[in-house]
Amino acid sequence: MLGMPNNPQEEGYYQRYGRVLFVEADGLFVSRQGKGKRAKEDKILTVHEGWKRNGSRIEFVNQRHYVHEGKGEVWEGFEEFLINEYAYDPCRAIGSIPRGA
């Protein structure tokens, strides 16, 4: 990756590659026009490194989106996205699923 530090010892590494990433996943149900065409659910995942106050609003820090394309598993494609964008290490992952999900 050009211009991106790969070593935690380098200055600015943890500014872009946060130690904690928050992931939110959802689906968008899209109807298609035309006779006999079935509706489709697009998988959309949001990644951010936390949040901060901006006046009375809250905004995510370094928010990025991943839209799954293709027929493969969404989580495999998303993991590749995390490895490329955030120097993600799958061996250090901790997951949490809210009860309402």
PDB file of N, CA and C in Angstrom:
ATOM      1  N   MET A   1       0.841  -1.174   0.000  1.00  0.00           N
ATOM      2  CA  MET A   1       0.000   0.000   0.000  1.00  0.00           C
ATOM      3  C   MET A   1       0.884   1.233   0.000  1.00  0.00           C
ATOM      4  N   LEU A   2       0.693   2.073  -0.953  1.00  0.00           N
ATOM      5  CA  LEU A   2       1.527   3.248  -1.086  1.00  0.00           C
ATOM      6  C   LEU A   2       1.169   4.308  -0.056  1.00  0.00           C
ATOM      7  N   GLY A   3       2.185   4.866   0.584  1.00  0.00           N
ATOM      8  CA  GLY A   3       1.994   5.982   1.494  1.00  0.00           C
ATOM      9  C   GLY A   3       1.362   5.631   2.821  1.00  0.00           C
ATOM     10  N   MET A   4       1.137   4.369   3.092  1.00  0.00           N
ATOM     11  CA  MET A   4       0.524   3.980   4.355  1.00  0.00           C
ATOM     12  C   MET A   4       1.535   3.227   5.199  1.00  0.00           C
ATOM     13  N   PRO A   5       1.706   3.629   6.464  1.00  0.00           N
ATOM     14  CA  PRO A   5       2.673   2.944   7.315  1.00  0.00           C
ATOM     15  C   PRO A   5       2.225   1.527   7.624  1.00  0.00           C
ATOM     16  N   ASN A   6       3.162   0.587   7.632  1.00  0.00           N
ATOM     17  CA  ASN A   6       2.857  -0.808   7.935  1.00  0.00           C
ATOM     18  C   ASN A   6       3.413  -1.235   9.279  1.00  0.00           C
ATOM     19  N   ASN A   7       4.142  -0.372   9.924  1.00  0.00           N
ATOM     20  CA  ASN A   7       4.819  -0.714  11.165  1.00  0.00           C
ATOM     21  C   ASN A   7       4.255   0.123  12.305  1.00  0.00           C
ATOM     22  N   PRO A   8       3.825  -0.505  13.416  1.00  0.00           N
ATOM     23  CA  PRO A   8       3.291   0.259  14.547  1.00  0.00           C
ATOM     24  C   PRO A   8       4.291   1.241  15.139  1.00  0.00           C
ATOM     25  N   GLN A   9       5.581   1.052  14.872  1.00  0.00           N
ATOM     26  CA  GLN A   9       6.597   1.957  15.402  1.00  0.00           C
ATOM     27  C   GLN A   9       6.644   3.276  14.626  1.00  0.00           C
ATOM     28  N   GLU A  10       6.117   3.291  13.405  1.00  0.00           N
ATOM     29  CA  GLU A  10       6.161   4.493  12.579  1.00  0.00           C
ATOM     30  C   GLU A  10       5.189   5.543  13.099  1.00  0.00           C
ATOM     31  N   GLU A  11       5.580   6.798  12.934  1.00  0.00           N
ATOM     32  CA  GLU A  11       4.747   7.904  13.382  1.00  0.00           C
ATOM     33  C   GLU A  11       3.440   7.935  12.582  1.00  0.00           C
ATOM     34  N   GLY A  12       2.324   8.143  13.263  1.00  0.00           N
ATOM     35  CA  GLY A  12       1.030   8.234  12.605  1.00  0.00           C
ATOM     36  C   GLY A  12       0.332   6.907  12.385  1.00  0.00           C
ATOM     37  N   TYR A  13       0.943   5.800  12.784  1.00  0.00           N
ATOM     38  CA  TYR A  13       0.350   4.483  12.534  1.00  0.00           C
ATOM     39  C   TYR A  13      -1.027   4.371  13.173  1.00  0.00           C
ATOM     40  N   TYR A  14      -1.134   4.688  14.463  1.00  0.00           N
ATOM     41  CA  TYR A  14      -2.405   4.501  15.157  1.00  0.00           C
ATOM     42  C   TYR A  14      -3.397   5.622  14.877  1.00  0.00           C
ATOM     43  N   GLN A  15      -2.976   6.681  14.183  1.00  0.00           N
ATOM     44  CA  GLN A  15      -3.944   7.697  13.799  1.00  0.00           C
ATOM     45  C   GLN A  15      -4.877   7.137  12.726  1.00  0.00           C
ATOM     46  N   ARG A  16      -4.344   6.376  11.800  1.00  0.00           N
ATOM     47  CA  ARG A  16      -5.159   5.800  10.732  1.00  0.00           C
ATOM     48  C   ARG A  16      -5.604   4.386  11.075  1.00  0.00           C
ATOM     49  N   TYR A  17      -4.750   3.657  11.733  1.00  0.00           N
ATOM     50  CA  TYR A  17      -5.031   2.266  12.050  1.00  0.00           C
ATOM     51  C   TYR A  17      -5.344   2.156  13.536  1.00  0.00           C
ATOM     52  N   GLY A  18      -6.541   2.545  13.911  1.00  0.00           N
ATOM     53  CA  GLY A  18      -6.930   2.537  15.309  1.00  0.00           C
ATOM     54  C   GLY A  18      -6.889   1.141  15.900  1.00  0.00           C
ATOM     55  N   ARG A  19      -6.696   1.084  17.177  1.00  0.00           N
ATOM     56  CA  ARG A  19      -6.650  -0.200  17.859  1.00  0.00           C
ATOM     57  C   ARG A  19      -8.047  -0.785  18.007  1.00  0.00           C
ATOM     58  N   VAL A  20      -9.066   0.072  18.019  1.00  0.00           N
ATOM     59  CA  VAL A  20     -10.446  -0.397  18.168  1.00  0.00           C
ATOM     60  C   VAL A  20     -11.246   0.079  16.959  1.00  0.00           C
ATOM     61  N   LEU A  21     -11.940  -0.854  16.331  1.00  0.00           N
ATOM     62  CA  LEU A  21     -12.826  -0.524  15.216  1.00  0.00           C
ATOM     63  C   LEU A  21     -14.248  -0.934  15.584  1.00  0.00           C
ATOM     64  N   PHE A  22     -15.194  -0.079  15.306  1.00  0.00           N
ATOM     65  CA  PHE A  22     -16.603  -0.376  15.522  1.00  0.00           C
ATOM     66  C   PHE A  22     -17.222  -0.709  14.174  1.00  0.00           C
ATOM     67  N   VAL A  23     -17.981  -1.793  14.123  1.00  0.00           N
ATOM     68  CA  VAL A  23     -18.589  -2.248  12.869  1.00  0.00           C
ATOM     69  C   VAL A  23     -20.095  -2.339  13.069  1.00  0.00           C
ATOM     70  N   GLU A  24     -20.823  -1.767  12.133  1.00  0.00           N
ATOM     71  CA  GLU A  24     -22.278  -1.868  12.135  1.00  0.00           C
ATOM     72  C   GLU A  24     -22.703  -2.417  10.780  1.00  0.00           C
ATOM     73  N   ALA A  25     -23.567  -3.407  10.796  1.00  0.00           N
ATOM     74  CA  ALA A  25     -24.000  -4.057   9.556  1.00  0.00           C
ATOM     75  C   ALA A  25     -25.516  -3.959   9.426  1.00  0.00           C
ATOM     76  N   ASP A  26     -25.965  -3.792   8.195  1.00  0.00           N
ATOM     77  CA  ASP A  26     -27.397  -3.738   7.936  1.00  0.00           C
ATOM     78  C   ASP A  26     -27.643  -4.124   6.481  1.00  0.00           C
ATOM     79  N   GLY A  27     -28.877  -4.332   6.157  1.00  0.00           N
ATOM     80  CA  GLY A  27     -29.241  -4.661   4.787  1.00  0.00           C
ATOM     81  C   GLY A  27     -30.220  -3.635   4.252  1.00  0.00           C
ATOM     82  N   LEU A  28     -30.145  -3.378   2.973  1.00  0.00           N
ATOM     83  CA  LEU A  28     -31.064  -2.468   2.310  1.00  0.00           C
ATOM     84  C   LEU A  28     -31.843  -3.283   1.290  1.00  0.00           C
ATOM     85  N   PHE A  29     -33.144  -3.382   1.493  1.00  0.00           N
ATOM     86  CA  PHE A  29     -33.996  -4.178   0.620  1.00  0.00           C
ATOM     87  C   PHE A  29     -34.385  -3.334  -0.589  1.00  0.00           C
ATOM     88  N   VAL A  30     -33.988  -3.771  -1.772  1.00  0.00           N
ATOM     89  CA  VAL A  30     -34.199  -3.002  -2.998  1.00  0.00           C
ATOM     90  C   VAL A  30     -35.148  -3.759  -3.920  1.00  0.00           C
ATOM     91  N   SER A  31     -36.243  -3.106  -4.292  1.00  0.00           N
ATOM     92  CA  SER A  31     -37.175  -3.691  -5.262  1.00  0.00           C
ATOM     93  C   SER A  31     -36.657  -3.406  -6.659  1.00  0.00           C
ATOM     94  N   ARG A  32     -36.863  -4.353  -7.563  1.00  0.00           N
ATOM     95  CA  ARG A  32     -36.441  -4.166  -8.950  1.00  0.00           C
ATOM     96  C   ARG A  32     -37.667  -4.043  -9.835  1.00  0.00           C
ATOM     97  N   GLN A  33     -37.527  -3.232 -10.857  1.00  0.00           N
ATOM     98  CA  GLN A  33     -38.638  -3.041 -11.781  1.00  0.00           C
ATOM     99  C   GLN A  33     -38.608  -4.110 -12.858  1.00  0.00           C
ATOM    100  N   GLY A  34     -39.765  -4.416 -13.351  1.00  0.00           N
ATOM    101  CA  GLY A  34     -39.861  -5.399 -14.425  1.00  0.00           C
ATOM    102  C   GLY A  34     -40.556  -6.658 -13.952  1.00  0.00           C
ATOM    103  N   LYS A  35     -41.232  -7.291 -14.866  1.00  0.00           N
ATOM    104  CA  LYS A  35     -41.997  -8.484 -14.533  1.00  0.00           C
ATOM    105  C   LYS A  35     -41.054  -9.646 -14.225  1.00  0.00           C
ATOM    106  N   GLY A  36     -41.313 -10.308 -13.137  1.00  0.00           N
ATOM    107  CA  GLY A  36     -40.548 -11.494 -12.772  1.00  0.00           C
ATOM    108  C   GLY A  36     -39.211 -11.224 -12.098  1.00  0.00           C
ATOM    109  N   LYS A  37     -38.856  -9.965 -11.898  1.00  0.00           N
ATOM    110  CA  LYS A  37     -37.589  -9.669 -11.226  1.00  0.00           C
ATOM    111  C   LYS A  37     -37.813  -9.641  -9.722  1.00  0.00           C
ATOM    112  N   ARG A  38     -36.972 -10.355  -9.027  1.00  0.00           N
ATOM    113  CA  ARG A  38     -37.113 -10.453  -7.579  1.00  0.00           C
ATOM    114  C   ARG A  38     -36.381  -9.315  -6.891  1.00  0.00           C
ATOM    115  N   ALA A  39     -36.848  -8.979  -5.708  1.00  0.00           N
ATOM    116  CA  ALA A  39     -36.185  -7.959  -4.899  1.00  0.00           C
ATOM    117  C   ALA A  39     -34.850  -8.509  -4.392  1.00  0.00           C
ATOM    118  N   LYS A  40     -33.983  -7.617  -4.006  1.00  0.00           N
ATOM    119  CA  LYS A  40     -32.641  -8.000  -3.591  1.00  0.00           C
ATOM    120  C   LYS A  40     -32.272  -7.227  -2.328  1.00  0.00           C
ATOM    121  N   GLU A  41     -31.496  -7.865  -1.451  1.00  0.00           N
ATOM    122  CA  GLU A  41     -31.015  -7.177  -0.256  1.00  0.00           C
ATOM    123  C   GLU A  41     -29.522  -6.900  -0.410  1.00  0.00           C
ATOM    124  N   ASP A  42     -29.151  -5.617  -0.398  1.00  0.00           N
ATOM    125  CA  ASP A  42     -27.743  -5.228  -0.442  1.00  0.00           C
ATOM    126  C   ASP A  42     -27.216  -5.163   0.984  1.00  0.00           C
ATOM    127  N   LYS A  43     -26.051  -5.750   1.191  1.00  0.00           N
ATOM    128  CA  LYS A  43     -25.428  -5.733   2.511  1.00  0.00           C
ATOM    129  C   LYS A  43     -24.500  -4.526   2.598  1.00  0.00           C
ATOM    130  N   ILE A  44     -24.698  -3.694   3.624  1.00  0.00           N
ATOM    131  CA  ILE A  44     -23.903  -2.485   3.813  1.00  0.00           C
ATOM    132  C   ILE A  44     -23.309  -2.523   5.218  1.00  0.00           C
ATOM    133  N   LEU A  45     -21.999  -2.335   5.308  1.00  0.00           N
ATOM    134  CA  LEU A  45     -21.324  -2.324   6.598  1.00  0.00           C
ATOM    135  C   LEU A  45     -20.611  -0.989   6.778  1.00  0.00           C
ATOM    136  N   THR A  46     -20.675  -0.460   7.980  1.00  0.00           N
ATOM    137  CA  THR A  46     -20.016   0.795   8.325  1.00  0.00           C
ATOM    138  C   THR A  46     -18.945   0.506   9.352  1.00  0.00           C
ATOM    139  N   VAL A  47     -17.772   1.093   9.156  1.00  0.00           N
ATOM    140  CA  VAL A  47     -16.658   0.942  10.091  1.00  0.00           C
ATOM    141  C   VAL A  47     -16.273   2.334  10.563  1.00  0.00           C
ATOM    142  N   HIS A  48     -16.051   2.482  11.863  1.00  0.00           N
ATOM    143  CA  HIS A  48     -15.537   3.751  12.372  1.00  0.00           C
ATOM    144  C   HIS A  48     -14.657   3.484  13.581  1.00  0.00           C
ATOM    145  N   GLU A  49     -13.898   4.492  13.974  1.00  0.00           N
ATOM    146  CA  GLU A  49     -12.935   4.352  15.066  1.00  0.00           C
ATOM    147  C   GLU A  49     -13.417   5.029  16.342  1.00  0.00           C
ATOM    148  N   GLY A  50     -14.699   5.258  16.445  1.00  0.00           N
ATOM    149  CA  GLY A  50     -15.265   5.906  17.626  1.00  0.00           C
ATOM    150  C   GLY A  50     -16.146   7.064  17.196  1.00  0.00           C
ATOM    151  N   TRP A  51     -16.444   7.949  18.139  1.00  0.00           N
ATOM    152  CA  TRP A  51     -17.289   9.084  17.838  1.00  0.00           C
ATOM    153  C   TRP A  51     -16.846  10.273  18.669  1.00  0.00           C
ATOM    154  N   LYS A  52     -17.253  11.470  18.213  1.00  0.00           N
ATOM    155  CA  LYS A  52     -16.934  12.696  18.944  1.00  0.00           C
ATOM    156  C   LYS A  52     -18.097  13.660  18.787  1.00  0.00           C
ATOM    157  N   ARG A  53     -18.187  14.591  19.718  1.00  0.00           N
ATOM    158  CA  ARG A  53     -19.242  15.600  19.677  1.00  0.00           C
ATOM    159  C   ARG A  53     -18.846  16.731  18.744  1.00  0.00           C
ATOM    160  N   ASN A  54     -19.815  17.178  17.983  1.00  0.00           N
ATOM    161  CA  ASN A  54     -19.654  18.345  17.130  1.00  0.00           C
ATOM    162  C   ASN A  54     -20.856  19.237  17.413  1.00  0.00           C
ATOM    163  N   GLY A  55     -20.734  20.077  18.426  1.00  0.00           N
ATOM    164  CA  GLY A  55     -21.872  20.874  18.878  1.00  0.00           C
ATOM    165  C   GLY A  55     -22.881  19.963  19.549  1.00  0.00           C
ATOM    166  N   SER A  56     -24.110  19.970  19.066  1.00  0.00           N
ATOM    167  CA  SER A  56     -25.143  19.104  19.634  1.00  0.00           C
ATOM    168  C   SER A  56     -25.234  17.767  18.900  1.00  0.00           C
ATOM    169  N   ARG A  57     -24.387  17.585  17.902  1.00  0.00           N
ATOM    170  CA  ARG A  57     -24.415  16.355  17.106  1.00  0.00           C
ATOM    171  C   ARG A  57     -23.249  15.448  17.468  1.00  0.00           C
ATOM    172  N   ILE A  58     -23.406  14.187  17.132  1.00  0.00           N
ATOM    173  CA  ILE A  58     -22.337  13.198  17.295  1.00  0.00           C
ATOM    174  C   ILE A  58     -21.902  12.783  15.894  1.00  0.00           C
ATOM    175  N   GLU A  59     -20.590  12.717  15.658  1.00  0.00           N
ATOM    176  CA  GLU A  59     -20.114  12.242  14.360  1.00  0.00           C
ATOM    177  C   GLU A  59     -19.085  11.148  14.567  1.00  0.00           C
ATOM    178  N   PHE A  60     -19.069  10.208  13.626  1.00  0.00           N
ATOM    179  CA  PHE A  60     -18.129   9.099  13.687  1.00  0.00           C
ATOM    180  C   PHE A  60     -16.745   9.559  13.254  1.00  0.00           C
ATOM    181  N   VAL A  61     -15.726   8.950  13.852  1.00  0.00           N
ATOM    182  CA  VAL A  61     -14.337   9.254  13.513  1.00  0.00           C
ATOM    183  C   VAL A  61     -13.880   8.284  12.428  1.00  0.00           C
ATOM    184  N   ASN A  62     -13.373   8.815  11.333  1.00  0.00           N
ATOM    185  CA  ASN A  62     -12.851   8.022  10.211  1.00  0.00           C
ATOM    186  C   ASN A  62     -13.850   6.965   9.733  1.00  0.00           C
ATOM    187  N   GLN A  63     -15.050   7.400   9.453  1.00  0.00           N
ATOM    188  CA  GLN A  63     -16.105   6.484   9.014  1.00  0.00           C
ATOM    189  C   GLN A  63     -15.868   6.047   7.571  1.00  0.00           C
ATOM    190  N   ARG A  64     -16.012   4.750   7.322  1.00  0.00           N
ATOM    191  CA  ARG A  64     -15.885   4.166   5.981  1.00  0.00           C
ATOM    192  C   ARG A  64     -17.051   3.212   5.771  1.00  0.00           C
ATOM    193  N   HIS A  65     -17.432   2.996   4.517  1.00  0.00           N
ATOM    194  CA  HIS A  65     -18.524   2.088   4.182  1.00  0.00           C
ATOM    195  C   HIS A  65     -18.018   0.972   3.280  1.00  0.00           C
ATOM    196  N   TYR A  66     -18.607  -0.194   3.460  1.00  0.00           N
ATOM    197  CA  TYR A  66     -18.329  -1.338   2.599  1.00  0.00           C
ATOM    198  C   TYR A  66     -19.668  -1.864   2.096  1.00  0.00           C
ATOM    199  N   VAL A  67     -19.825  -1.930   0.785  1.00  0.00           N
ATOM    200  CA  VAL A  67     -21.029  -2.499   0.168  1.00  0.00           C
ATOM    201  C   VAL A  67     -20.605  -3.788  -0.504  1.00  0.00           C
ATOM    202  N   HIS A  68     -21.219  -4.883  -0.089  1.00  0.00           N
ATOM    203  CA  HIS A  68     -20.838  -6.193  -0.618  1.00  0.00           C
ATOM    204  C   HIS A  68     -21.370  -6.376  -2.032  1.00  0.00           C
ATOM    205  N   GLU A  69     -20.478  -6.795  -2.915  1.00  0.00           N
ATOM    206  CA  GLU A  69     -20.855  -7.093  -4.295  1.00  0.00           C
ATOM    207  C   GLU A  69     -20.444  -8.516  -4.607  1.00  0.00           C
ATOM    208  N   GLY A  70     -21.220  -9.190  -5.386  1.00  0.00           N
ATOM    209  CA  GLY A  70     -20.894 -10.563  -5.748  1.00  0.00           C
ATOM    210  C   GLY A  70     -21.697 -11.562  -4.945  1.00  0.00           C
ATOM    211  N   LYS A  71     -21.405 -12.836  -5.186  1.00  0.00           N
ATOM    212  CA  LYS A  71     -22.173 -13.901  -4.551  1.00  0.00           C
ATOM    213  C   LYS A  71     -21.447 -14.552  -3.386  1.00  0.00           C
ATOM    214  N   GLY A  72     -20.207 -14.185  -3.135  1.00  0.00           N
ATOM    215  CA  GLY A  72     -19.449 -14.774  -2.035  1.00  0.00           C
ATOM    216  C   GLY A  72     -19.978 -14.317  -0.685  1.00  0.00           C
ATOM    217  N   GLU A  73     -19.391 -14.859   0.365  1.00  0.00           N
ATOM    218  CA  GLU A  73     -19.788 -14.498   1.722  1.00  0.00           C
ATOM    219  C   GLU A  73     -19.448 -13.036   2.010  1.00  0.00           C
ATOM    220  N   VAL A  74     -20.405 -12.313   2.590  1.00  0.00           N
ATOM    221  CA  VAL A  74     -20.195 -10.903   2.892  1.00  0.00           C
ATOM    222  C   VAL A  74     -19.048 -10.708   3.890  1.00  0.00           C
ATOM    223  N   TRP A  75     -18.934 -11.593   4.876  1.00  0.00           N
ATOM    224  CA  TRP A  75     -17.918 -11.398   5.913  1.00  0.00           C
ATOM    225  C   TRP A  75     -16.512 -11.679   5.402  1.00  0.00           C
ATOM    226  N   GLU A  76     -16.369 -12.551   4.422  1.00  0.00           N
ATOM    227  CA  GLU A  76     -15.044 -12.792   3.843  1.00  0.00           C
ATOM    228  C   GLU A  76     -14.574 -11.573   3.053  1.00  0.00           C
ATOM    229  N   GLY A  77     -15.462 -10.988   2.280  1.00  0.00           N
ATOM    230  CA  GLY A  77     -15.124  -9.772   1.545  1.00  0.00           C
ATOM    231  C   GLY A  77     -14.843  -8.613   2.478  1.00  0.00           C
ATOM    232  N   PHE A  78     -15.620  -8.533   3.555  1.00  0.00           N
ATOM    233  CA  PHE A  78     -15.433  -7.452   4.524  1.00  0.00           C
ATOM    234  C   PHE A  78     -14.104  -7.598   5.261  1.00  0.00           C
ATOM    235  N   GLU A  79     -13.727  -8.829   5.581  1.00  0.00           N
ATOM    236  CA  GLU A  79     -12.445  -9.049   6.251  1.00  0.00           C
ATOM    237  C   GLU A  79     -11.282  -8.603   5.353  1.00  0.00           C
ATOM    238  N   GLU A  80     -11.371  -8.882   4.071  1.00  0.00           N
ATOM    239  CA  GLU A  80     -10.336  -8.432   3.133  1.00  0.00           C
ATOM    240  C   GLU A  80     -10.280  -6.901   3.085  1.00  0.00           C
ATOM    241  N   PHE A  81     -11.451  -6.259   3.109  1.00  0.00           N
ATOM    242  CA  PHE A  81     -11.523  -4.797   3.157  1.00  0.00           C
ATOM    243  C   PHE A  81     -10.819  -4.263   4.404  1.00  0.00           C
ATOM    244  N   LEU A  82     -11.072  -4.882   5.560  1.00  0.00           N
ATOM    245  CA  LEU A  82     -10.435  -4.442   6.805  1.00  0.00           C
ATOM    246  C   LEU A  82      -8.923  -4.631   6.769  1.00  0.00           C
ATOM    247  N   ILE A  83      -8.469  -5.738   6.220  1.00  0.00           N
ATOM    248  CA  ILE A  83      -7.029  -5.998   6.124  1.00  0.00           C
ATOM    249  C   ILE A  83      -6.373  -4.932   5.253  1.00  0.00           C
ATOM    250  N   ASN A  84      -6.990  -4.587   4.137  1.00  0.00           N
ATOM    251  CA  ASN A  84      -6.416  -3.598   3.219  1.00  0.00           C
ATOM    252  C   ASN A  84      -6.488  -2.175   3.755  1.00  0.00           C
ATOM    253  N   GLU A  85      -7.577  -1.822   4.415  1.00  0.00           N
ATOM    254  CA  GLU A  85      -7.783  -0.437   4.834  1.00  0.00           C
ATOM    255  C   GLU A  85      -7.263  -0.118   6.233  1.00  0.00           C
ATOM    256  N   TYR A  86      -7.263  -1.101   7.125  1.00  0.00           N
ATOM    257  CA  TYR A  86      -6.951  -0.822   8.524  1.00  0.00           C
ATOM    258  C   TYR A  86      -5.825  -1.677   9.089  1.00  0.00           C
ATOM    259  N   ALA A  87      -5.119  -2.426   8.268  1.00  0.00           N
ATOM    260  CA  ALA A  87      -4.074  -3.330   8.750  1.00  0.00           C
ATOM    261  C   ALA A  87      -4.648  -4.243   9.841  1.00  0.00           C
ATOM    262  N   TYR A  88      -5.849  -4.714   9.614  1.00  0.00           N
ATOM    263  CA  TYR A  88      -6.589  -5.565  10.554  1.00  0.00           C
ATOM    264  C   TYR A  88      -5.915  -6.921  10.693  1.00  0.00           C
ATOM    265  N   ASP A  89      -5.824  -7.403  11.929  1.00  0.00           N
ATOM    266  CA  ASP A  89      -5.269  -8.722  12.216  1.00  0.00           C
ATOM    267  C   ASP A  89      -6.405  -9.618  12.709  1.00  0.00           C
ATOM    268  N   PRO A  90      -6.838 -10.616  11.935  1.00  0.00           N
ATOM    269  CA  PRO A  90      -7.962 -11.467  12.333  1.00  0.00           C
ATOM    270  C   PRO A  90      -7.738 -12.196  13.654  1.00  0.00           C
ATOM    271  N   CYS A  91      -6.501 -12.384  14.044  1.00  0.00           N
ATOM    272  CA  CYS A  91      -6.206 -13.094  15.292  1.00  0.00           C
ATOM    273  C   CYS A  91      -6.491 -12.239  16.521  1.00  0.00           C
ATOM    274  N   ARG A  92      -6.697 -10.938  16.354  1.00  0.00           N
ATOM    275  CA  ARG A  92      -6.928 -10.047  17.487  1.00  0.00           C
ATOM    276  C   ARG A  92      -8.361  -9.534  17.531  1.00  0.00           C
ATOM    277  N   ALA A  93      -9.273 -10.160  16.835  1.00  0.00           N
ATOM    278  CA  ALA A  93     -10.650  -9.675  16.741  1.00  0.00           C
ATOM    279  C   ALA A  93     -11.483 -10.128  17.932  1.00  0.00           C
ATOM    280  N   ILE A  94     -12.330  -9.221  18.411  1.00  0.00           N
ATOM    281  CA  ILE A  94     -13.301  -9.515  19.462  1.00  0.00           C
ATOM    282  C   ILE A  94     -14.650  -9.048  18.941  1.00  0.00           C
ATOM    283  N   GLY A  95     -15.654  -9.890  19.020  1.00  0.00           N
ATOM    284  CA  GLY A  95     -16.960  -9.536  18.483  1.00  0.00           C
ATOM    285  C   GLY A  95     -18.000  -9.381  19.566  1.00  0.00           C
ATOM    286  N   SER A  96     -19.013  -8.596  19.266  1.00  0.00           N
ATOM    287  CA  SER A  96     -20.132  -8.404  20.170  1.00  0.00           C
ATOM    288  C   SER A  96     -21.377  -8.189  19.327  1.00  0.00           C
ATOM    289  N   ILE A  97     -22.441  -8.895  19.658  1.00  0.00           N
ATOM    290  CA  ILE A  97     -23.695  -8.749  18.932  1.00  0.00           C
ATOM    291  C   ILE A  97     -24.745  -8.248  19.918  1.00  0.00           C
ATOM    292  N   PRO A  98     -25.367  -7.098  19.638  1.00  0.00           N
ATOM    293  CA  PRO A  98     -26.394  -6.593  20.551  1.00  0.00           C
ATOM    294  C   PRO A  98     -27.604  -7.519  20.589  1.00  0.00           C
ATOM    295  N   ARG A  99     -28.311  -7.501  21.678  1.00  0.00           N
ATOM    296  CA  ARG A  99     -29.461  -8.403  21.844  1.00  0.00           C
ATOM    297  C   ARG A  99     -30.579  -8.116  20.863  1.00  0.00           C
ATOM    298  N   GLY A 100     -30.680  -6.888  20.397  1.00  0.00           N
ATOM    299  CA  GLY A 100     -31.754  -6.526  19.471  1.00  0.00           C
ATOM    300  C   GLY A 100     -31.487  -6.949  18.039  1.00  0.00           C
ATOM    301  N   ALA A 101     -30.305  -7.494  17.774  1.00  0.00           N
ATOM    302  CA  ALA A 101     -29.948  -7.829  16.389  1.00  0.00           C
ATOM    303  C   ALA A 101     -30.577  -9.127  15.955  1.00  0.00           C
TER     304      ALA A 101
END
